[in-house]
Amino acid sequence: MSERFDFIIIGAGASGEAAASYARARGATVALVERDLFGGTCAFWGCMPSKTLLHAAEIRACGGDYSWEKASARRDYMIVREGRDYPDDSGHIKGYKAKGTVPVRGTAKIAGPGRVVVRTAKESRELEARDIVIAVGSVAKVPKIEGLAEAGFWTNKEGTSLRELPKSIAILGAGPSGTELAQVYARFGVRTTLVSPRQVNPTDHPRSSALLAKAFARPGWTSARTRAPSAFGPAPGRAGNTSSSSPTGRRSKPR
């Protein structure tokens, strides 16, 4: 039997949460569907962990006593991963229910106009709504570089959740995530190379990008360096695992 709502929102990241909040504030009934973590990237693999680690790295850079172990533990606290392998999103679910939103964990499929079938761990639920909002977000873009899969790589998900630091790392891409992680790793003593085909943070205003690049190059500020793509690996367009402590495997799993 179908469950009827005013809105079905597929994806419980920042956009899906905002849509659900606005709809509930206006009295609409809402089903919020998510197949992984309610809260999405920002809460668990993006903004929350990266800003927490940046804060710790800044204290360390200014002479404060802030070990990586302490920084990692604080990050785990912020993403509710203390003593766990994977974050706990039950707090988000509790918040939705308190506001009247119905959270549904599972994989959604649009079965027709106003109809969504959600495959859960135990069953399939059929939902109906006047409107369907698709807010499934995005995934990391992995460049087609020969040898990258064999050398091993992380995305921002692994990069913000690691518990043990590598000895060295090359970061492909100098956008917001790349520059944040480069600063964190470098300030905690990791030999860091930030690889960018253009300027640092290329989507920002050129003057802002130039200021950021100048800061990265400042002696003593960070050991991160920017290089052209050909600097990563033994030949242009090819990736190589140059350090035994670098990420290994097809997609390394942080510990």
C-alpha atoms as a PDB file:
ATOM      1  CA  MET A   1       0.000   0.000   0.000  1.00  0.00           C
ATOM      2  CA  SER A   2       1.330   3.422  -0.961  1.00  0.00           C
ATOM      3  CA  GLU A   3       2.231   6.112   1.572  1.00  0.00           C
ATOM      4  CA  ARG A   4       1.083   9.558   0.514  1.00  0.00           C
ATOM      5  CA  PHE A   5       3.005  12.833   1.027  1.00  0.00           C
ATOM      6  CA  ASP A   6       3.053  16.358  -0.358  1.00  0.00           C
ATOM      7  CA  PHE A   7       6.769  16.018  -1.137  1.00  0.00           C
ATOM      8  CA  ILE A   8       9.183  13.167  -1.638  1.00  0.00           C
ATOM      9  CA  ILE A   9      12.778  14.373  -1.417  1.00  0.00           C
ATOM     10  CA  ILE A  10      15.454  12.005  -2.708  1.00  0.00           C
ATOM     11  CA  GLY A  11      18.810  12.794  -1.105  1.00  0.00           C
ATOM     12  CA  ALA A  12      19.387  13.973   2.468  1.00  0.00           C
ATOM     13  CA  GLY A  13      22.460  16.128   2.019  1.00  0.00           C
ATOM     14  CA  ALA A  14      22.487  19.893   2.548  1.00  0.00           C
ATOM     15  CA  SER A  15      20.051  20.622  -0.312  1.00  0.00           C
ATOM     16  CA  GLY A  16      17.640  17.844   0.598  1.00  0.00           C
ATOM     17  CA  GLU A  17      17.647  18.856   4.249  1.00  0.00           C
ATOM     18  CA  ALA A  18      16.954  22.487   3.317  1.00  0.00           C
ATOM     19  CA  ALA A  19      14.090  21.485   1.010  1.00  0.00           C
ATOM     20  CA  ALA A  20      12.559  19.300   3.731  1.00  0.00           C
ATOM     21  CA  SER A  21      12.884  22.093   6.292  1.00  0.00           C
ATOM     22  CA  TYR A  22      11.228  24.691   4.040  1.00  0.00           C
ATOM     23  CA  ALA A  23       8.406  22.319   3.134  1.00  0.00           C
ATOM     24  CA  ARG A  24       7.698  21.379   6.755  1.00  0.00           C
ATOM     25  CA  ALA A  25       7.788  25.041   7.804  1.00  0.00           C
ATOM     26  CA  ARG A  26       4.887  25.607   5.415  1.00  0.00           C
ATOM     27  CA  GLY A  27       2.916  22.668   6.700  1.00  0.00           C
ATOM     28  CA  ALA A  28       3.623  20.187   3.900  1.00  0.00           C
ATOM     29  CA  THR A  29       4.116  16.486   4.574  1.00  0.00           C
ATOM     30  CA  VAL A  30       7.568  15.213   3.583  1.00  0.00           C
ATOM     31  CA  ALA A  31       9.312  11.883   3.037  1.00  0.00           C
ATOM     32  CA  LEU A  32      13.100  12.250   2.950  1.00  0.00           C
ATOM     33  CA  VAL A  33      14.901   9.335   1.263  1.00  0.00           C
ATOM     34  CA  GLU A  34      18.622   8.603   1.672  1.00  0.00           C
ATOM     35  CA  ARG A  35      20.596   5.457   0.868  1.00  0.00           C
ATOM     36  CA  ASP A  36      23.693   6.335   2.920  1.00  0.00           C
ATOM     37  CA  LEU A  37      24.151   8.937   5.662  1.00  0.00           C
ATOM     38  CA  PHE A  38      21.400  11.411   6.486  1.00  0.00           C
ATOM     39  CA  GLY A  39      23.251  14.715   6.516  1.00  0.00           C
ATOM     40  CA  GLY A  40      25.356  13.964   3.457  1.00  0.00           C
ATOM     41  CA  THR A  41      28.849  15.095   2.534  1.00  0.00           C
ATOM     42  CA  CYS A  42      28.890  18.387   4.440  1.00  0.00           C
ATOM     43  CA  ALA A  43      28.168  16.783   7.795  1.00  0.00           C
ATOM     44  CA  PHE A  44      30.442  13.765   7.481  1.00  0.00           C
ATOM     45  CA  TRP A  45      33.003  13.999   4.645  1.00  0.00           C
ATOM     46  CA  GLY A  46      33.227  17.717   3.798  1.00  0.00           C
ATOM     47  CA  CYS A  47      32.657  20.919   5.738  1.00  0.00           C
ATOM     48  CA  MET A  48      32.499  19.589   9.289  1.00  0.00           C
ATOM     49  CA  PRO A  49      35.626  17.411   9.244  1.00  0.00           C
ATOM     50  CA  SER A  50      37.681  19.718   7.017  1.00  0.00           C
ATOM     51  CA  LYS A  51      37.042  22.840   9.103  1.00  0.00           C
ATOM     52  CA  THR A  52      37.741  20.912  12.298  1.00  0.00           C
ATOM     53  CA  LEU A  53      41.074  19.681  10.938  1.00  0.00           C
ATOM     54  CA  LEU A  54      41.920  23.149   9.584  1.00  0.00           C
ATOM     55  CA  HIS A  55      41.351  24.612  13.048  1.00  0.00           C
ATOM     56  CA  ALA A  56      43.699  22.076  14.607  1.00  0.00           C
ATOM     57  CA  ALA A  57      46.312  22.649  11.889  1.00  0.00           C
ATOM     58  CA  GLU A  58      46.189  26.414  12.428  1.00  0.00           C
ATOM     59  CA  ILE A  59      46.742  26.083  16.178  1.00  0.00           C
ATOM     60  CA  ARG A  60      49.702  23.816  15.465  1.00  0.00           C
ATOM     61  CA  ALA A  61      51.121  26.252  12.880  1.00  0.00           C
ATOM     62  CA  CYS A  62      50.915  29.087  15.408  1.00  0.00           C
ATOM     63  CA  GLY A  63      52.975  27.125  17.920  1.00  0.00           C
ATOM     64  CA  GLY A  64      50.221  25.405  19.856  1.00  0.00           C
ATOM     65  CA  ASP A  65      50.542  21.872  21.182  1.00  0.00           C
ATOM     66  CA  TYR A  66      48.062  20.014  19.010  1.00  0.00           C
ATOM     67  CA  SER A  67      48.957  16.474  17.981  1.00  0.00           C
ATOM     68  CA  TRP A  68      47.455  14.643  15.027  1.00  0.00           C
ATOM     69  CA  GLU A  69      45.949  12.110  17.438  1.00  0.00           C
ATOM     70  CA  LYS A  70      44.071  14.901  19.193  1.00  0.00           C
ATOM     71  CA  ALA A  71      42.971  16.446  15.895  1.00  0.00           C
ATOM     72  CA  SER A  72      41.782  13.090  14.578  1.00  0.00           C
ATOM     73  CA  ALA A  73      39.834  12.396  17.774  1.00  0.00           C
ATOM     74  CA  ARG A  74      38.165  15.817  17.653  1.00  0.00           C
ATOM     75  CA  ARG A  75      37.214  15.253  14.014  1.00  0.00           C
ATOM     76  CA  ASP A  76      35.698  11.875  14.944  1.00  0.00           C
ATOM     77  CA  TYR A  77      33.691  13.601  17.683  1.00  0.00           C
ATOM     78  CA  MET A  78      32.390  16.186  15.211  1.00  0.00           C
ATOM     79  CA  ILE A  79      31.220  13.570  12.711  1.00  0.00           C
ATOM     80  CA  VAL A  80      29.955  11.141  15.404  1.00  0.00           C
ATOM     81  CA  ARG A  81      32.537   8.438  14.616  1.00  0.00           C
ATOM     82  CA  GLU A  82      34.095   7.921  18.047  1.00  0.00           C
ATOM     83  CA  GLY A  83      35.019   4.257  18.457  1.00  0.00           C
ATOM     84  CA  ARG A  84      33.301   3.398  15.174  1.00  0.00           C
ATOM     85  CA  ASP A  85      34.367   2.650  11.605  1.00  0.00           C
ATOM     86  CA  TYR A  86      31.514   4.680  10.106  1.00  0.00           C
ATOM     87  CA  PRO A  87      29.693   7.819  11.304  1.00  0.00           C
ATOM     88  CA  ASP A  88      26.391   7.621  13.163  1.00  0.00           C
ATOM     89  CA  ASP A  89      23.594   9.708  11.610  1.00  0.00           C
ATOM     90  CA  SER A  90      20.917   8.898  14.198  1.00  0.00           C
ATOM     91  CA  GLY A  91      21.019  12.477  15.485  1.00  0.00           C
ATOM     92  CA  HIS A  92      19.950  13.774  12.075  1.00  0.00           C
ATOM     93  CA  ILE A  93      17.132  11.224  11.898  1.00  0.00           C
ATOM     94  CA  LYS A  94      15.920  12.221  15.368  1.00  0.00           C
ATOM     95  CA  GLY A  95      15.869  15.860  14.268  1.00  0.00           C
ATOM     96  CA  TYR A  96      13.815  15.095  11.150  1.00  0.00           C
ATOM     97  CA  LYS A  97      11.249  13.123  13.124  1.00  0.00           C
ATOM     98  CA  ALA A  98      10.949  15.915  15.686  1.00  0.00           C
ATOM     99  CA  LYS A  99       9.976  18.305  12.881  1.00  0.00           C
ATOM    100  CA  GLY A 100       7.531  15.871  11.312  1.00  0.00           C
ATOM    101  CA  THR A 101       9.655  14.736   8.363  1.00  0.00           C
ATOM    102  CA  VAL A 102       9.547  11.001   7.626  1.00  0.00           C
ATOM    103  CA  PRO A 103      13.074   9.638   6.972  1.00  0.00           C
ATOM    104  CA  VAL A 104      13.311   6.558   4.761  1.00  0.00           C
ATOM    105  CA  ARG A 105      16.672   4.827   4.370  1.00  0.00           C
ATOM    106  CA  GLY A 106      17.048   2.985   1.098  1.00  0.00           C
ATOM    107  CA  THR A 107      17.614   3.251  -2.650  1.00  0.00           C
ATOM    108  CA  ALA A 108      14.935   5.220  -4.469  1.00  0.00           C
ATOM    109  CA  LYS A 109      13.579   4.615  -7.954  1.00  0.00           C
ATOM    110  CA  ILE A 110      11.012   6.812  -9.669  1.00  0.00           C
ATOM    111  CA  ALA A 111       8.329   4.363 -10.778  1.00  0.00           C
ATOM    112  CA  GLY A 112       6.037   6.839 -12.512  1.00  0.00           C
ATOM    113  CA  PRO A 113       4.445  10.290 -12.120  1.00  0.00           C
ATOM    114  CA  GLY A 114       4.441  11.063  -8.423  1.00  0.00           C
ATOM    115  CA  ARG A 115       5.515   7.522  -7.502  1.00  0.00           C
ATOM    116  CA  VAL A 116       8.768   6.422  -5.864  1.00  0.00           C
ATOM    117  CA  VAL A 117       9.711   2.904  -4.825  1.00  0.00           C
ATOM    118  CA  VAL A 118      12.344   2.695  -2.088  1.00  0.00           C
ATOM    119  CA  ARG A 119      14.254  -0.554  -1.623  1.00  0.00           C
ATOM    120  CA  THR A 120      15.186  -0.779   2.047  1.00  0.00           C
ATOM    121  CA  ALA A 121      17.211  -3.398   3.898  1.00  0.00           C
ATOM    122  CA  LYS A 122      14.074  -5.397   4.723  1.00  0.00           C
ATOM    123  CA  GLU A 123      11.409  -4.458   2.185  1.00  0.00           C
ATOM    124  CA  SER A 124      10.254  -2.139  -0.579  1.00  0.00           C
ATOM    125  CA  ARG A 125       8.129   0.886   0.234  1.00  0.00           C
ATOM    126  CA  GLU A 126       5.989   2.668  -2.309  1.00  0.00           C
ATOM    127  CA  LEU A 127       5.634   6.401  -1.814  1.00  0.00           C
ATOM    128  CA  GLU A 128       3.371   8.857  -3.630  1.00  0.00           C
ATOM    129  CA  ALA A 129       3.563  12.626  -3.697  1.00  0.00           C
ATOM    130  CA  ARG A 130       2.335  15.698  -5.495  1.00  0.00           C
ATOM    131  CA  ASP A 131       5.955  16.755  -6.051  1.00  0.00           C
ATOM    132  CA  ILE A 132       9.299  14.920  -6.138  1.00  0.00           C
ATOM    133  CA  VAL A 133      12.556  16.754  -5.381  1.00  0.00           C
ATOM    134  CA  ILE A 134      15.788  15.137  -6.582  1.00  0.00           C
ATOM    135  CA  ALA A 135      18.750  16.288  -4.470  1.00  0.00           C
ATOM    136  CA  VAL A 136      21.186  13.407  -4.853  1.00  0.00           C
ATOM    137  CA  GLY A 137      24.331  15.564  -4.819  1.00  0.00           C
ATOM    138  CA  SER A 138      27.529  14.564  -6.572  1.00  0.00           C
ATOM    139  CA  VAL A 139      30.528  12.255  -6.346  1.00  0.00           C
ATOM    140  CA  ALA A 140      34.237  12.975  -6.657  1.00  0.00           C
ATOM    141  CA  LYS A 141      35.539  13.222 -10.222  1.00  0.00           C
ATOM    142  CA  VAL A 142      38.422  10.807 -10.773  1.00  0.00           C
ATOM    143  CA  PRO A 143      40.692  11.877 -13.664  1.00  0.00           C
ATOM    144  CA  LYS A 144      41.643   9.419 -16.372  1.00  0.00           C
ATOM    145  CA  ILE A 145      45.353   9.122 -15.613  1.00  0.00           C
ATOM    146  CA  GLU A 146      47.273   6.021 -16.570  1.00  0.00           C
ATOM    147  CA  GLY A 147      48.418   4.124 -13.492  1.00  0.00           C
ATOM    148  CA  LEU A 148      46.193   6.006 -11.028  1.00  0.00           C
ATOM    149  CA  ALA A 149      44.056   2.994 -10.118  1.00  0.00           C
ATOM    150  CA  GLU A 150      47.139   0.830  -9.628  1.00  0.00           C
ATOM    151  CA  ALA A 151      48.935   3.484  -7.562  1.00  0.00           C
ATOM    152  CA  GLY A 152      45.916   3.971  -5.325  1.00  0.00           C
ATOM    153  CA  PHE A 153      43.963   7.126  -4.602  1.00  0.00           C
ATOM    154  CA  TRP A 154      41.674   8.812  -2.130  1.00  0.00           C
ATOM    155  CA  THR A 155      38.731  11.114  -2.681  1.00  0.00           C
ATOM    156  CA  ASN A 156      37.643  13.825  -0.240  1.00  0.00           C
ATOM    157  CA  LYS A 157      35.754  11.101   1.654  1.00  0.00           C
ATOM    158  CA  GLU A 158      38.941   9.228   2.535  1.00  0.00           C
ATOM    159  CA  GLY A 159      40.954  12.446   2.743  1.00  0.00           C
ATOM    160  CA  THR A 160      38.864  13.947   5.530  1.00  0.00           C
ATOM    161  CA  SER A 161      38.356  10.732   7.498  1.00  0.00           C
ATOM    162  CA  LEU A 162      41.868   9.262   7.766  1.00  0.00           C
ATOM    163  CA  ARG A 163      43.116   8.383  11.239  1.00  0.00           C
ATOM    164  CA  GLU A 164      46.758   7.717  10.317  1.00  0.00           C
ATOM    165  CA  LEU A 165      48.764  10.245   8.315  1.00  0.00           C
ATOM    166  CA  PRO A 166      50.822   9.183   5.287  1.00  0.00           C
ATOM    167  CA  LYS A 167      54.447  10.238   4.997  1.00  0.00           C
ATOM    168  CA  SER A 168      53.831  11.946   1.669  1.00  0.00           C
ATOM    169  CA  ILE A 169      50.899  12.736  -0.582  1.00  0.00           C
ATOM    170  CA  ALA A 170      50.114  14.341  -3.947  1.00  0.00           C
ATOM    171  CA  ILE A 171      46.768  16.110  -4.200  1.00  0.00           C
ATOM    172  CA  LEU A 172      45.296  16.369  -7.708  1.00  0.00           C
ATOM    173  CA  GLY A 173      43.231  19.525  -7.869  1.00  0.00           C
ATOM    174  CA  ALA A 174      43.686  22.867  -6.139  1.00  0.00           C
ATOM    175  CA  GLY A 175      40.055  23.760  -5.600  1.00  0.00           C
ATOM    176  CA  PRO A 176      38.546  24.347  -2.141  1.00  0.00           C
ATOM    177  CA  SER A 177      38.863  20.715  -0.996  1.00  0.00           C
ATOM    178  CA  GLY A 178      42.378  20.305  -2.386  1.00  0.00           C
ATOM    179  CA  THR A 179      43.735  23.486  -0.829  1.00  0.00           C
ATOM    180  CA  GLU A 180      42.111  22.715   2.534  1.00  0.00           C
ATOM    181  CA  LEU A 181      43.509  19.195   2.697  1.00  0.00           C
ATOM    182  CA  ALA A 182      46.946  20.332   1.480  1.00  0.00           C
ATOM    183  CA  GLN A 183      47.104  22.850   4.313  1.00  0.00           C
ATOM    184  CA  VAL A 184      46.044  20.275   6.912  1.00  0.00           C
ATOM    185  CA  TYR A 185      48.491  17.585   5.781  1.00  0.00           C
ATOM    186  CA  ALA A 186      51.427  19.949   5.346  1.00  0.00           C
ATOM    187  CA  ARG A 187      50.960  21.554   8.749  1.00  0.00           C
ATOM    188  CA  PHE A 188      50.990  18.122  10.369  1.00  0.00           C
ATOM    189  CA  GLY A 189      54.323  17.276   8.773  1.00  0.00           C
ATOM    190  CA  VAL A 190      53.228  15.357   5.677  1.00  0.00           C
ATOM    191  CA  ARG A 191      55.364  15.982   2.574  1.00  0.00           C
ATOM    192  CA  THR A 192      52.618  17.482   0.405  1.00  0.00           C
ATOM    193  CA  THR A 193      52.473  18.362  -3.280  1.00  0.00           C
ATOM    194  CA  LEU A 194      49.415  20.214  -4.571  1.00  0.00           C
ATOM    195  CA  VAL A 195      49.013  19.469  -8.279  1.00  0.00           C
ATOM    196  CA  SER A 196      47.113  22.013 -10.348  1.00  0.00           C
ATOM    197  CA  PRO A 197      47.035  22.548 -14.137  1.00  0.00           C
ATOM    198  CA  ARG A 198      46.105  26.190 -13.590  1.00  0.00           C
ATOM    199  CA  GLN A 199      46.165  28.585 -10.661  1.00  0.00           C
ATOM    200  CA  VAL A 200      45.295  27.641  -7.098  1.00  0.00           C
ATOM    201  CA  ASN A 201      41.517  27.667  -6.555  1.00  0.00           C
ATOM    202  CA  PRO A 202      40.847  28.329 -10.272  1.00  0.00           C
ATOM    203  CA  THR A 203      37.095  28.993  -9.947  1.00  0.00           C
ATOM    204  CA  ASP A 204      37.645  31.937  -7.580  1.00  0.00           C
ATOM    205  CA  HIS A 205      38.517  35.516  -8.537  1.00  0.00           C
ATOM    206  CA  PRO A 206      42.059  35.642 -10.025  1.00  0.00           C
ATOM    207  CA  ARG A 207      43.278  38.029  -7.331  1.00  0.00           C
ATOM    208  CA  SER A 208      41.980  35.735  -4.597  1.00  0.00           C
ATOM    209  CA  SER A 209      43.654  32.766  -6.283  1.00  0.00           C
ATOM    210  CA  ALA A 210      46.930  34.664  -6.573  1.00  0.00           C
ATOM    211  CA  LEU A 211      46.809  35.629  -2.885  1.00  0.00           C
ATOM    212  CA  LEU A 212      46.200  32.013  -1.888  1.00  0.00           C
ATOM    213  CA  ALA A 213      49.034  30.755  -4.105  1.00  0.00           C
ATOM    214  CA  LYS A 214      51.375  33.330  -2.567  1.00  0.00           C
ATOM    215  CA  ALA A 215      50.435  32.153   0.920  1.00  0.00           C
ATOM    216  CA  PHE A 216      51.182  28.542   0.003  1.00  0.00           C
ATOM    217  CA  ALA A 217      54.596  29.563  -1.257  1.00  0.00           C
ATOM    218  CA  ARG A 218      55.493  31.538   1.868  1.00  0.00           C
ATOM    219  CA  PRO A 219      58.487  29.986   3.695  1.00  0.00           C
ATOM    220  CA  GLY A 220      57.508  28.391   6.968  1.00  0.00           C
ATOM    221  CA  TRP A 221      53.766  28.761   6.360  1.00  0.00           C
ATOM    222  CA  THR A 222      53.238  25.370   4.782  1.00  0.00           C
ATOM    223  CA  SER A 223      55.317  22.747   3.022  1.00  0.00           C
ATOM    224  CA  ALA A 224      52.692  22.256   0.308  1.00  0.00           C
ATOM    225  CA  ARG A 225      53.890  23.030  -3.220  1.00  0.00           C
ATOM    226  CA  THR A 226      51.966  23.576  -6.419  1.00  0.00           C
ATOM    227  CA  ARG A 227      53.097  21.773  -9.561  1.00  0.00           C
ATOM    228  CA  ALA A 228      51.928  21.085 -13.077  1.00  0.00           C
ATOM    229  CA  PRO A 229      50.243  17.718 -13.709  1.00  0.00           C
ATOM    230  CA  SER A 230      53.385  16.246 -15.280  1.00  0.00           C
ATOM    231  CA  ALA A 231      55.163  16.500 -11.936  1.00  0.00           C
ATOM    232  CA  PHE A 232      52.962  13.753 -10.492  1.00  0.00           C
ATOM    233  CA  GLY A 233      54.520  10.456 -11.442  1.00  0.00           C
ATOM    234  CA  PRO A 234      57.262   9.318 -13.791  1.00  0.00           C
ATOM    235  CA  ALA A 235      55.784  10.829 -16.967  1.00  0.00           C
ATOM    236  CA  PRO A 236      53.175  13.394 -18.074  1.00  0.00           C
ATOM    237  CA  GLY A 237      49.662  12.056 -17.593  1.00  0.00           C
ATOM    238  CA  ARG A 238      50.825   9.021 -15.662  1.00  0.00           C
ATOM    239  CA  ALA A 239      50.558   8.283 -11.936  1.00  0.00           C
ATOM    240  CA  GLY A 240      53.138   6.367  -9.984  1.00  0.00           C
ATOM    241  CA  ASN A 241      53.313   5.239  -6.378  1.00  0.00           C
ATOM    242  CA  THR A 242      56.526   6.994  -5.371  1.00  0.00           C
ATOM    243  CA  SER A 243      56.396   6.277  -1.646  1.00  0.00           C
ATOM    244  CA  SER A 244      55.651   3.113   0.290  1.00  0.00           C
ATOM    245  CA  SER A 245      53.616   5.232   2.704  1.00  0.00           C
ATOM    246  CA  SER A 246      51.450   6.744  -0.011  1.00  0.00           C
ATOM    247  CA  PRO A 247      47.905   5.476  -0.555  1.00  0.00           C
ATOM    248  CA  THR A 248      48.007   2.019  -2.113  1.00  0.00           C
ATOM    249  CA  GLY A 249      45.413  -0.251  -3.669  1.00  0.00           C
ATOM    250  CA  ARG A 250      42.733   0.674  -6.152  1.00  0.00           C
ATOM    251  CA  ARG A 251      41.053   2.904  -3.647  1.00  0.00           C
ATOM    252  CA  SER A 252      42.803   3.071  -0.327  1.00  0.00           C
ATOM    253  CA  LYS A 253      40.726   2.837   2.836  1.00  0.00           C
ATOM    254  CA  PRO A 254      41.790   5.261   5.586  1.00  0.00           C
ATOM    255  CA  ARG A 255      42.267   3.914   9.083  1.00  0.00           C
END
